[in-house]
């Protein structure tokens, strides 16, 4: 599986070794990294790993048949997307079976990812259908809507430092269930130098740096919201090839605010009700981002913000 932005680079790389006999028997790390610089120099993140370049060239040198698929192609057989299509189309069992079988038959990438195990693919779709039907409908506390700002966040007063990215990272890391196998390696932390118009934040895989949109460094933005965004980007560092797949979203739903963030939320009148869903804080953070997305879309038509 390769990212869409890597397709041309990999094509150029393979073309440069059209004759497998010219591939060195020992593709070293230095050689692989040099090839990445040569063929992916103008490619935005994510860049391929040097070990993947080595594995690809070793496979071609040995005469292996290589198939590549993009993550965009993978979206065509995403089990959740299929489950939603089945539900929204009110398909009968026969129609659903034909729909799923049609995707399996027409998408070589699907068969490759599932290693020709149709039953495993069917089970994933069935599991997503069950989760869709049984998804809890969280209670929205009336006081929550009242505290969400309806205007752009204000900057911090000149005598206040604002949110510390290091403190945010450490707060997220301190919650044991966030990263049960250890905190991922994180590079530099930045607030963007200007307001970003397309994203609230991003993790750049090439250097593991995390950048958050500077408009969120504001007293109008609850601490748990910025913590959640930091957690989201740190998850990308921990799951570099996951994108926003179901495993990523499942872990994302496990977000828990720090004690300081909970205290800040309570001071703003935000607290879970008795019947709140287990992922109340993730839902509330998403609601906050949605509110500002609508605000910026109104101010700058065509703007699409996202995580």
C-alpha atoms as a PDB file:
ATOM      1  CA  UNK A   1       0.000   0.000   0.000  1.00  0.00           C
ATOM      2  CA  UNK A   2       1.362   3.424  -0.943  1.00  0.00           C
ATOM      3  CA  UNK A   3       0.090   6.944  -0.424  1.00  0.00           C
ATOM      4  CA  UNK A   4      -1.263   8.770  -3.474  1.00  0.00           C
ATOM      5  CA  UNK A   5       1.559  11.315  -3.348  1.00  0.00           C
ATOM      6  CA  UNK A   6       4.151   8.517  -3.625  1.00  0.00           C
ATOM      7  CA  UNK A   7       2.885   6.866  -6.828  1.00  0.00           C
ATOM      8  CA  UNK A   8       4.978   8.911  -9.275  1.00  0.00           C
ATOM      9  CA  UNK A   9       8.100   8.568  -7.134  1.00  0.00           C
ATOM     10  CA  UNK A  10       7.823   4.786  -6.950  1.00  0.00           C
ATOM     11  CA  UNK A  11       7.161   4.618 -10.702  1.00  0.00           C
ATOM     12  CA  UNK A  12      10.309   6.650 -11.364  1.00  0.00           C
ATOM     13  CA  UNK A  13      12.299   4.518  -8.917  1.00  0.00           C
ATOM     14  CA  UNK A  14      11.267   1.269 -10.596  1.00  0.00           C
ATOM     15  CA  UNK A  15      11.899   2.742 -14.046  1.00  0.00           C
ATOM     16  CA  UNK A  16      15.448   3.638 -13.005  1.00  0.00           C
ATOM     17  CA  UNK A  17      15.970  -0.072 -12.285  1.00  0.00           C
ATOM     18  CA  UNK A  18      14.082  -1.416 -15.302  1.00  0.00           C
ATOM     19  CA  UNK A  19      16.739  -4.106 -15.554  1.00  0.00           C
ATOM     20  CA  UNK A  20      16.616  -6.071 -12.257  1.00  0.00           C
ATOM     21  CA  UNK A  21      20.228  -7.157 -12.719  1.00  0.00           C
ATOM     22  CA  UNK A  22      21.347  -3.566 -12.069  1.00  0.00           C
ATOM     23  CA  UNK A  23      19.901  -3.613  -8.552  1.00  0.00           C
ATOM     24  CA  UNK A  24      22.693  -4.048  -5.972  1.00  0.00           C
ATOM     25  CA  UNK A  25      22.568  -7.254  -3.975  1.00  0.00           C
ATOM     26  CA  UNK A  26      22.904  -5.164  -0.821  1.00  0.00           C
ATOM     27  CA  UNK A  27      20.593  -2.159  -0.818  1.00  0.00           C
ATOM     28  CA  UNK A  28      22.026  -0.277   2.138  1.00  0.00           C
ATOM     29  CA  UNK A  29      20.251   2.325   4.205  1.00  0.00           C
ATOM     30  CA  UNK A  30      22.447   5.067   2.704  1.00  0.00           C
ATOM     31  CA  UNK A  31      21.588   3.957  -0.829  1.00  0.00           C
ATOM     32  CA  UNK A  32      17.857   3.709  -0.063  1.00  0.00           C
ATOM     33  CA  UNK A  33      17.782   7.147   1.567  1.00  0.00           C
ATOM     34  CA  UNK A  34      19.656   8.584  -1.435  1.00  0.00           C
ATOM     35  CA  UNK A  35      17.041   7.109  -3.778  1.00  0.00           C
ATOM     36  CA  UNK A  36      14.268   8.686  -1.685  1.00  0.00           C
ATOM     37  CA  UNK A  37      15.961  12.078  -1.978  1.00  0.00           C
ATOM     38  CA  UNK A  38      16.332  11.585  -5.728  1.00  0.00           C
ATOM     39  CA  UNK A  39      12.859  10.312  -6.611  1.00  0.00           C
ATOM     40  CA  UNK A  40      10.740  11.846  -3.847  1.00  0.00           C
ATOM     41  CA  UNK A  41      12.492  15.199  -3.448  1.00  0.00           C
ATOM     42  CA  UNK A  42       9.412  17.197  -4.486  1.00  0.00           C
ATOM     43  CA  UNK A  43       6.956  14.930  -2.679  1.00  0.00           C
ATOM     44  CA  UNK A  44       5.119  16.192   0.410  1.00  0.00           C
ATOM     45  CA  UNK A  45       4.797  13.994   3.451  1.00  0.00           C
ATOM     46  CA  UNK A  46       4.443  11.187   3.976  1.00  0.00           C
ATOM     47  CA  UNK A  47       7.679   9.984   2.386  1.00  0.00           C
ATOM     48  CA  UNK A  48       8.377   6.256   2.012  1.00  0.00           C
ATOM     49  CA  UNK A  49      10.528   4.538   4.608  1.00  0.00           C
ATOM     50  CA  UNK A  50      13.977   3.513   3.473  1.00  0.00           C
ATOM     51  CA  UNK A  51      13.211  -0.079   4.551  1.00  0.00           C
ATOM     52  CA  UNK A  52      10.232  -0.122   2.152  1.00  0.00           C
ATOM     53  CA  UNK A  53      12.453   1.021  -0.724  1.00  0.00           C
ATOM     54  CA  UNK A  54      14.945  -1.700   0.141  1.00  0.00           C
ATOM     55  CA  UNK A  55      12.201  -4.331   0.324  1.00  0.00           C
ATOM     56  CA  UNK A  56      10.759  -3.275  -3.025  1.00  0.00           C
ATOM     57  CA  UNK A  57      14.116  -3.372  -4.815  1.00  0.00           C
ATOM     58  CA  UNK A  58      15.074  -6.692  -3.204  1.00  0.00           C
ATOM     59  CA  UNK A  59      11.752  -8.164  -4.380  1.00  0.00           C
ATOM     60  CA  UNK A  60      12.243  -6.915  -7.945  1.00  0.00           C
ATOM     61  CA  UNK A  61      15.855  -8.180  -8.039  1.00  0.00           C
ATOM     62  CA  UNK A  62      14.611 -11.644  -7.003  1.00  0.00           C
ATOM     63  CA  UNK A  63      11.984 -11.647  -9.762  1.00  0.00           C
ATOM     64  CA  UNK A  64       8.976 -11.329  -7.434  1.00  0.00           C
ATOM     65  CA  UNK A  65       5.738  -9.989  -8.880  1.00  0.00           C
ATOM     66  CA  UNK A  66       5.028  -6.640  -7.240  1.00  0.00           C
ATOM     67  CA  UNK A  67       1.537  -5.170  -6.922  1.00  0.00           C
ATOM     68  CA  UNK A  68       0.962  -1.723  -5.474  1.00  0.00           C
ATOM     69  CA  UNK A  69      -2.260  -0.062  -4.380  1.00  0.00           C
ATOM     70  CA  UNK A  70      -2.947   3.405  -3.054  1.00  0.00           C
ATOM     71  CA  UNK A  71      -4.789   4.221   0.149  1.00  0.00           C
ATOM     72  CA  UNK A  72      -7.333   6.020  -2.045  1.00  0.00           C
ATOM     73  CA  UNK A  73      -8.068   2.685  -3.709  1.00  0.00           C
ATOM     74  CA  UNK A  74      -8.379   1.137  -0.243  1.00  0.00           C
ATOM     75  CA  UNK A  75     -11.184   3.574   0.590  1.00  0.00           C
ATOM     76  CA  UNK A  76     -13.278   1.893  -2.098  1.00  0.00           C
ATOM     77  CA  UNK A  77     -13.598  -1.207   0.085  1.00  0.00           C
ATOM     78  CA  UNK A  78     -13.575   0.383   3.533  1.00  0.00           C
ATOM     79  CA  UNK A  79     -15.893  -1.834   5.644  1.00  0.00           C
ATOM     80  CA  UNK A  80     -17.507   1.156   7.398  1.00  0.00           C
ATOM     81  CA  UNK A  81     -18.281   2.842   4.055  1.00  0.00           C
ATOM     82  CA  UNK A  82     -19.824  -0.399   2.799  1.00  0.00           C
ATOM     83  CA  UNK A  83     -21.851  -0.826   6.002  1.00  0.00           C
ATOM     84  CA  UNK A  84     -23.212   2.724   5.670  1.00  0.00           C
ATOM     85  CA  UNK A  85     -24.129   2.107   2.015  1.00  0.00           C
ATOM     86  CA  UNK A  86     -25.985  -1.065   2.986  1.00  0.00           C
ATOM     87  CA  UNK A  87     -27.851   0.725   5.769  1.00  0.00           C
ATOM     88  CA  UNK A  88     -28.723   3.865   3.793  1.00  0.00           C
ATOM     89  CA  UNK A  89     -29.840   1.811   0.798  1.00  0.00           C
ATOM     90  CA  UNK A  90     -32.104  -0.426   2.920  1.00  0.00           C
ATOM     91  CA  UNK A  91     -30.634  -3.392   1.072  1.00  0.00           C
ATOM     92  CA  UNK A  92     -32.136  -6.840   1.388  1.00  0.00           C
ATOM     93  CA  UNK A  93     -29.820  -9.698   2.361  1.00  0.00           C
ATOM     94  CA  UNK A  94     -29.575 -10.724  -1.296  1.00  0.00           C
ATOM     95  CA  UNK A  95     -28.763  -7.162  -2.405  1.00  0.00           C
ATOM     96  CA  UNK A  96     -26.170  -6.760   0.337  1.00  0.00           C
ATOM     97  CA  UNK A  97     -24.521 -10.060  -0.572  1.00  0.00           C
ATOM     98  CA  UNK A  98     -24.382  -9.041  -4.234  1.00  0.00           C
ATOM     99  CA  UNK A  99     -23.011  -5.590  -3.323  1.00  0.00           C
ATOM    100  CA  UNK A 100     -20.236  -6.942  -1.097  1.00  0.00           C
ATOM    101  CA  UNK A 101     -19.382  -9.735  -3.559  1.00  0.00           C
ATOM    102  CA  UNK A 102     -19.234  -7.179  -6.368  1.00  0.00           C
ATOM    103  CA  UNK A 103     -16.708  -5.068  -4.496  1.00  0.00           C
ATOM    104  CA  UNK A 104     -14.631  -8.154  -3.686  1.00  0.00           C
ATOM    105  CA  UNK A 105     -14.616  -9.285  -7.304  1.00  0.00           C
ATOM    106  CA  UNK A 106     -13.883  -5.884  -8.846  1.00  0.00           C
ATOM    107  CA  UNK A 107     -11.209  -4.623  -6.437  1.00  0.00           C
ATOM    108  CA  UNK A 108      -7.883  -6.488  -6.682  1.00  0.00           C
ATOM    109  CA  UNK A 109      -6.552  -4.343  -3.827  1.00  0.00           C
ATOM    110  CA  UNK A 110      -9.316  -5.667  -1.577  1.00  0.00           C
ATOM    111  CA  UNK A 111      -8.367  -9.267  -2.267  1.00  0.00           C
ATOM    112  CA  UNK A 112      -4.703  -8.417  -1.763  1.00  0.00           C
ATOM    113  CA  UNK A 113      -5.223  -6.674   1.585  1.00  0.00           C
ATOM    114  CA  UNK A 114      -7.371  -9.539   2.867  1.00  0.00           C
ATOM    115  CA  UNK A 115      -5.006 -12.155   1.373  1.00  0.00           C
ATOM    116  CA  UNK A 116      -7.853 -13.708  -0.649  1.00  0.00           C
ATOM    117  CA  UNK A 117      -9.818 -14.414   2.544  1.00  0.00           C
ATOM    118  CA  UNK A 118     -13.356 -13.381   1.585  1.00  0.00           C
ATOM    119  CA  UNK A 119     -14.734 -14.508   4.928  1.00  0.00           C
ATOM    120  CA  UNK A 120     -12.432 -12.090   6.798  1.00  0.00           C
ATOM    121  CA  UNK A 121     -13.627  -9.241   4.570  1.00  0.00           C
ATOM    122  CA  UNK A 122     -17.261 -10.220   5.146  1.00  0.00           C
ATOM    123  CA  UNK A 123     -16.706 -10.346   8.917  1.00  0.00           C
ATOM    124  CA  UNK A 124     -15.249  -6.821   8.925  1.00  0.00           C
ATOM    125  CA  UNK A 125     -18.278  -5.496   7.054  1.00  0.00           C
ATOM    126  CA  UNK A 126     -20.634  -7.334   9.418  1.00  0.00           C
ATOM    127  CA  UNK A 127     -18.787  -5.977  12.445  1.00  0.00           C
ATOM    128  CA  UNK A 128     -19.115  -2.422  11.136  1.00  0.00           C
ATOM    129  CA  UNK A 129     -22.844  -2.963  10.520  1.00  0.00           C
ATOM    130  CA  UNK A 130     -23.312  -4.058  14.131  1.00  0.00           C
ATOM    131  CA  UNK A 131     -21.350  -1.058  15.432  1.00  0.00           C
ATOM    132  CA  UNK A 132     -23.407   1.239  13.197  1.00  0.00           C
ATOM    133  CA  UNK A 133     -26.708  -0.136  14.474  1.00  0.00           C
ATOM    134  CA  UNK A 134     -25.623  -0.139  18.121  1.00  0.00           C
ATOM    135  CA  UNK A 135     -23.740   3.173  18.088  1.00  0.00           C
ATOM    136  CA  UNK A 136     -24.732   5.130  21.223  1.00  0.00           C
ATOM    137  CA  UNK A 137     -26.451   8.461  20.712  1.00  0.00           C
ATOM    138  CA  UNK A 138     -24.724  10.728  23.242  1.00  0.00           C
ATOM    139  CA  UNK A 139     -26.757  13.071  25.360  1.00  0.00           C
ATOM    140  CA  UNK A 140     -25.877  16.680  24.584  1.00  0.00           C
ATOM    141  CA  UNK A 141     -25.938  18.745  27.734  1.00  0.00           C
ATOM    142  CA  UNK A 142     -27.708  22.071  26.973  1.00  0.00           C
ATOM    143  CA  UNK A 143     -25.023  24.062  28.749  1.00  0.00           C
ATOM    144  CA  UNK A 144     -22.352  22.753  26.355  1.00  0.00           C
ATOM    145  CA  UNK A 145     -23.732  24.632  23.350  1.00  0.00           C
ATOM    146  CA  UNK A 146     -23.771  27.887  25.310  1.00  0.00           C
ATOM    147  CA  UNK A 147     -20.046  27.861  26.055  1.00  0.00           C
ATOM    148  CA  UNK A 148     -18.821  27.074  22.533  1.00  0.00           C
ATOM    149  CA  UNK A 149     -17.594  30.361  20.984  1.00  0.00           C
ATOM    150  CA  UNK A 150     -19.428  31.598  17.895  1.00  0.00           C
ATOM    151  CA  UNK A 151     -16.596  33.898  16.798  1.00  0.00           C
ATOM    152  CA  UNK A 152     -12.937  33.363  15.975  1.00  0.00           C
ATOM    153  CA  UNK A 153     -10.811  32.540  19.036  1.00  0.00           C
ATOM    154  CA  UNK A 154      -9.102  35.533  20.624  1.00  0.00           C
ATOM    155  CA  UNK A 155      -5.324  35.549  21.121  1.00  0.00           C
ATOM    156  CA  UNK A 156      -4.013  35.337  24.646  1.00  0.00           C
ATOM    157  CA  UNK A 157      -3.420  38.663  26.426  1.00  0.00           C
ATOM    158  CA  UNK A 158       0.159  39.884  26.026  1.00  0.00           C
ATOM    159  CA  UNK A 159       0.956  39.098  29.660  1.00  0.00           C
ATOM    160  CA  UNK A 160      -0.064  35.398  29.319  1.00  0.00           C
ATOM    161  CA  UNK A 161       2.084  32.757  27.664  1.00  0.00           C
ATOM    162  CA  UNK A 162      -0.758  30.658  26.307  1.00  0.00           C
ATOM    163  CA  UNK A 163      -0.776  26.888  25.945  1.00  0.00           C
ATOM    164  CA  UNK A 164       2.568  25.102  26.140  1.00  0.00           C
ATOM    165  CA  UNK A 165       2.959  22.454  23.451  1.00  0.00           C
ATOM    166  CA  UNK A 166       5.435  20.557  25.601  1.00  0.00           C
ATOM    167  CA  UNK A 167       2.940  20.553  28.484  1.00  0.00           C
ATOM    168  CA  UNK A 168       0.203  19.359  26.114  1.00  0.00           C
ATOM    169  CA  UNK A 169       2.398  16.520  24.854  1.00  0.00           C
ATOM    170  CA  UNK A 170       3.329  15.495  28.383  1.00  0.00           C
ATOM    171  CA  UNK A 171      -0.289  15.642  29.575  1.00  0.00           C
ATOM    172  CA  UNK A 172      -1.387  13.377  26.738  1.00  0.00           C
ATOM    173  CA  UNK A 173       1.509  10.982  27.407  1.00  0.00           C
ATOM    174  CA  UNK A 174       0.688  10.824  31.120  1.00  0.00           C
ATOM    175  CA  UNK A 175      -2.599   9.010  30.452  1.00  0.00           C
ATOM    176  CA  UNK A 176      -1.472   5.374  30.427  1.00  0.00           C
ATOM    177  CA  UNK A 177      -4.211   4.049  28.141  1.00  0.00           C
ATOM    178  CA  UNK A 178      -3.361   6.525  25.374  1.00  0.00           C
ATOM    179  CA  UNK A 179      -0.131   4.723  24.458  1.00  0.00           C
ATOM    180  CA  UNK A 180      -0.079   1.330  26.222  1.00  0.00           C
ATOM    181  CA  UNK A 181       3.095   0.284  24.398  1.00  0.00           C
ATOM    182  CA  UNK A 182       4.991   3.490  25.118  1.00  0.00           C
ATOM    183  CA  UNK A 183       4.823   7.059  23.900  1.00  0.00           C
ATOM    184  CA  UNK A 184       5.760   7.343  20.208  1.00  0.00           C
ATOM    185  CA  UNK A 185       8.867   9.205  19.138  1.00  0.00           C
ATOM    186  CA  UNK A 186       7.899  12.853  18.603  1.00  0.00           C
ATOM    187  CA  UNK A 187      10.008  15.513  16.895  1.00  0.00           C
ATOM    188  CA  UNK A 188       9.714  19.276  17.216  1.00  0.00           C
ATOM    189  CA  UNK A 189       6.464  20.874  18.339  1.00  0.00           C
ATOM    190  CA  UNK A 190       5.199  24.039  16.668  1.00  0.00           C
ATOM    191  CA  UNK A 191       2.322  26.435  16.673  1.00  0.00           C
ATOM    192  CA  UNK A 192       1.847  27.413  13.032  1.00  0.00           C
ATOM    193  CA  UNK A 193       3.372  30.779  12.128  1.00  0.00           C
ATOM    194  CA  UNK A 194       0.073  31.837  10.560  1.00  0.00           C
ATOM    195  CA  UNK A 195      -3.540  30.729  10.687  1.00  0.00           C
ATOM    196  CA  UNK A 196      -3.879  27.547   8.626  1.00  0.00           C
ATOM    197  CA  UNK A 197      -6.873  27.440   6.313  1.00  0.00           C
ATOM    198  CA  UNK A 198      -7.096  23.700   5.665  1.00  0.00           C
ATOM    199  CA  UNK A 199      -6.261  21.871   8.853  1.00  0.00           C
ATOM    200  CA  UNK A 200      -6.305  22.192  12.624  1.00  0.00           C
ATOM    201  CA  UNK A 201      -2.982  20.381  12.880  1.00  0.00           C
ATOM    202  CA  UNK A 202      -0.728  17.800  11.300  1.00  0.00           C
ATOM    203  CA  UNK A 203       2.029  15.333  12.094  1.00  0.00           C
ATOM    204  CA  UNK A 204       4.796  15.359   9.488  1.00  0.00           C
ATOM    205  CA  UNK A 205       6.002  11.795   9.217  1.00  0.00           C
ATOM    206  CA  UNK A 206       9.382  12.592   7.713  1.00  0.00           C
ATOM    207  CA  UNK A 207      10.643  14.226  10.900  1.00  0.00           C
ATOM    208  CA  UNK A 208       7.861  13.310  13.388  1.00  0.00           C
ATOM    209  CA  UNK A 209       7.202  17.005  14.028  1.00  0.00           C
ATOM    210  CA  UNK A 210       3.743  18.150  15.089  1.00  0.00           C
ATOM    211  CA  UNK A 211       2.243  21.507  14.128  1.00  0.00           C
ATOM    212  CA  UNK A 212      -1.003  22.862  15.583  1.00  0.00           C
ATOM    213  CA  UNK A 213      -3.015  25.707  14.089  1.00  0.00           C
ATOM    214  CA  UNK A 214      -2.082  28.868  15.991  1.00  0.00           C
ATOM    215  CA  UNK A 215      -5.715  30.072  16.111  1.00  0.00           C
ATOM    216  CA  UNK A 216      -6.323  27.411  18.765  1.00  0.00           C
ATOM    217  CA  UNK A 217      -3.767  28.937  21.127  1.00  0.00           C
ATOM    218  CA  UNK A 218      -6.510  31.000  22.706  1.00  0.00           C
ATOM    219  CA  UNK A 219      -8.281  31.448  26.058  1.00  0.00           C
ATOM    220  CA  UNK A 220     -11.530  30.780  24.160  1.00  0.00           C
ATOM    221  CA  UNK A 221     -10.433  27.214  23.411  1.00  0.00           C
ATOM    222  CA  UNK A 222     -10.850  24.742  26.295  1.00  0.00           C
ATOM    223  CA  UNK A 223      -7.717  22.892  27.309  1.00  0.00           C
ATOM    224  CA  UNK A 224      -9.303  19.482  26.661  1.00  0.00           C
ATOM    225  CA  UNK A 225      -9.878  20.477  23.015  1.00  0.00           C
ATOM    226  CA  UNK A 226      -6.215  21.299  22.406  1.00  0.00           C
ATOM    227  CA  UNK A 227      -5.153  18.194  24.344  1.00  0.00           C
ATOM    228  CA  UNK A 228      -7.387  16.078  22.127  1.00  0.00           C
ATOM    229  CA  UNK A 229      -5.823  17.597  19.005  1.00  0.00           C
ATOM    230  CA  UNK A 230      -2.338  16.841  20.360  1.00  0.00           C
ATOM    231  CA  UNK A 231      -3.478  13.262  21.103  1.00  0.00           C
ATOM    232  CA  UNK A 232      -4.844  12.963  17.552  1.00  0.00           C
ATOM    233  CA  UNK A 233      -1.532  14.026  16.010  1.00  0.00           C
ATOM    234  CA  UNK A 234       0.500  11.837  18.379  1.00  0.00           C
ATOM    235  CA  UNK A 235      -1.645   8.896  17.288  1.00  0.00           C
ATOM    236  CA  UNK A 236      -0.540   9.600  13.720  1.00  0.00           C
ATOM    237  CA  UNK A 237       3.063   9.311  14.924  1.00  0.00           C
ATOM    238  CA  UNK A 238       2.200   6.043  16.656  1.00  0.00           C
ATOM    239  CA  UNK A 239       0.231   4.670  13.666  1.00  0.00           C
ATOM    240  CA  UNK A 240       2.048   6.187  10.661  1.00  0.00           C
ATOM    241  CA  UNK A 241       0.338   4.056   8.026  1.00  0.00           C
ATOM    242  CA  UNK A 242      -3.171   3.996   9.485  1.00  0.00           C
ATOM    243  CA  UNK A 243      -4.530   7.245   8.115  1.00  0.00           C
ATOM    244  CA  UNK A 244      -7.977   7.644   9.695  1.00  0.00           C
ATOM    245  CA  UNK A 245      -8.950   3.987   9.429  1.00  0.00           C
ATOM    246  CA  UNK A 246     -11.196   2.184  11.920  1.00  0.00           C
ATOM    247  CA  UNK A 247      -8.291   1.166  14.161  1.00  0.00           C
ATOM    248  CA  UNK A 248      -7.183   4.793  14.376  1.00  0.00           C
ATOM    249  CA  UNK A 249     -10.719   5.986  15.145  1.00  0.00           C
ATOM    250  CA  UNK A 250     -11.134   3.276  17.773  1.00  0.00           C
ATOM    251  CA  UNK A 251      -8.028   4.435  19.615  1.00  0.00           C
ATOM    252  CA  UNK A 252      -9.046   8.060  19.163  1.00  0.00           C
ATOM    253  CA  UNK A 253     -12.297   7.339  21.006  1.00  0.00           C
ATOM    254  CA  UNK A 254     -10.203   6.383  24.035  1.00  0.00           C
ATOM    255  CA  UNK A 255      -9.101   9.973  24.661  1.00  0.00           C
ATOM    256  CA  UNK A 256      -9.184  11.083  28.324  1.00  0.00           C
ATOM    257  CA  UNK A 257      -8.454  14.652  29.438  1.00  0.00           C
ATOM    258  CA  UNK A 258      -5.809  15.399  32.049  1.00  0.00           C
ATOM    259  CA  UNK A 259      -6.873  16.501  35.531  1.00  0.00           C
ATOM    260  CA  UNK A 260      -6.003  20.089  34.607  1.00  0.00           C
ATOM    261  CA  UNK A 261      -8.104  19.889  31.443  1.00  0.00           C
ATOM    262  CA  UNK A 262     -11.061  18.490  33.386  1.00  0.00           C
ATOM    263  CA  UNK A 263     -10.791  21.335  35.888  1.00  0.00           C
ATOM    264  CA  UNK A 264     -10.680  23.868  33.063  1.00  0.00           C
ATOM    265  CA  UNK A 265     -13.739  22.275  31.409  1.00  0.00           C
ATOM    266  CA  UNK A 266     -15.754  22.376  34.624  1.00  0.00           C
ATOM    267  CA  UNK A 267     -14.888  26.063  35.044  1.00  0.00           C
ATOM    268  CA  UNK A 268     -16.417  26.627  31.593  1.00  0.00           C
ATOM    269  CA  UNK A 269     -19.587  24.702  32.462  1.00  0.00           C
ATOM    270  CA  UNK A 270     -18.680  21.614  30.440  1.00  0.00           C
ATOM    271  CA  UNK A 271     -19.165  18.264  32.139  1.00  0.00           C
ATOM    272  CA  UNK A 272     -20.601  14.889  31.093  1.00  0.00           C
ATOM    273  CA  UNK A 273     -24.177  14.118  32.044  1.00  0.00           C
ATOM    274  CA  UNK A 274     -25.332  10.931  33.747  1.00  0.00           C
ATOM    275  CA  UNK A 275     -26.115   9.291  30.397  1.00  0.00           C
ATOM    276  CA  UNK A 276     -23.113  10.607  28.465  1.00  0.00           C
ATOM    277  CA  UNK A 277     -21.331   8.256  26.084  1.00  0.00           C
ATOM    278  CA  UNK A 278     -17.947   6.799  27.119  1.00  0.00           C
ATOM    279  CA  UNK A 279     -16.198   9.011  24.566  1.00  0.00           C
ATOM    280  CA  UNK A 280     -17.904  12.204  25.748  1.00  0.00           C
ATOM    281  CA  UNK A 281     -14.708  14.286  25.636  1.00  0.00           C
ATOM    282  CA  UNK A 282     -13.824  13.213  22.120  1.00  0.00           C
ATOM    283  CA  UNK A 283     -17.363  14.057  20.968  1.00  0.00           C
ATOM    284  CA  UNK A 284     -17.222  17.463  22.689  1.00  0.00           C
ATOM    285  CA  UNK A 285     -13.861  18.250  21.103  1.00  0.00           C
ATOM    286  CA  UNK A 286     -15.184  17.295  17.666  1.00  0.00           C
ATOM    287  CA  UNK A 287     -18.196  19.515  18.268  1.00  0.00           C
ATOM    288  CA  UNK A 288     -15.904  22.424  19.060  1.00  0.00           C
ATOM    289  CA  UNK A 289     -13.910  21.930  15.854  1.00  0.00           C
ATOM    290  CA  UNK A 290     -17.140  21.636  13.843  1.00  0.00           C
ATOM    291  CA  UNK A 291     -18.346  24.955  15.251  1.00  0.00           C
ATOM    292  CA  UNK A 292     -15.218  26.801  14.174  1.00  0.00           C
ATOM    293  CA  UNK A 293     -15.165  24.994  10.839  1.00  0.00           C
ATOM    294  CA  UNK A 294     -18.592  26.457  10.113  1.00  0.00           C
ATOM    295  CA  UNK A 295     -17.397  29.874  11.294  1.00  0.00           C
ATOM    296  CA  UNK A 296     -14.371  29.902   8.984  1.00  0.00           C
ATOM    297  CA  UNK A 297     -16.393  28.469   6.082  1.00  0.00           C
ATOM    298  CA  UNK A 298     -18.779  31.413   6.490  1.00  0.00           C
ATOM    299  CA  UNK A 299     -15.933  33.962   6.613  1.00  0.00           C
ATOM    300  CA  UNK A 300     -13.919  32.320   3.841  1.00  0.00           C
ATOM    301  CA  UNK A 301     -16.234  30.420   1.438  1.00  0.00           C
ATOM    302  CA  UNK A 302     -14.621  27.247   0.185  1.00  0.00           C
ATOM    303  CA  UNK A 303     -12.564  26.718   3.327  1.00  0.00           C
ATOM    304  CA  UNK A 304     -12.625  23.102   4.527  1.00  0.00           C
ATOM    305  CA  UNK A 305     -10.978  22.556   7.891  1.00  0.00           C
ATOM    306  CA  UNK A 306     -10.184  19.121   9.258  1.00  0.00           C
ATOM    307  CA  UNK A 307      -8.070  17.015  11.572  1.00  0.00           C
END
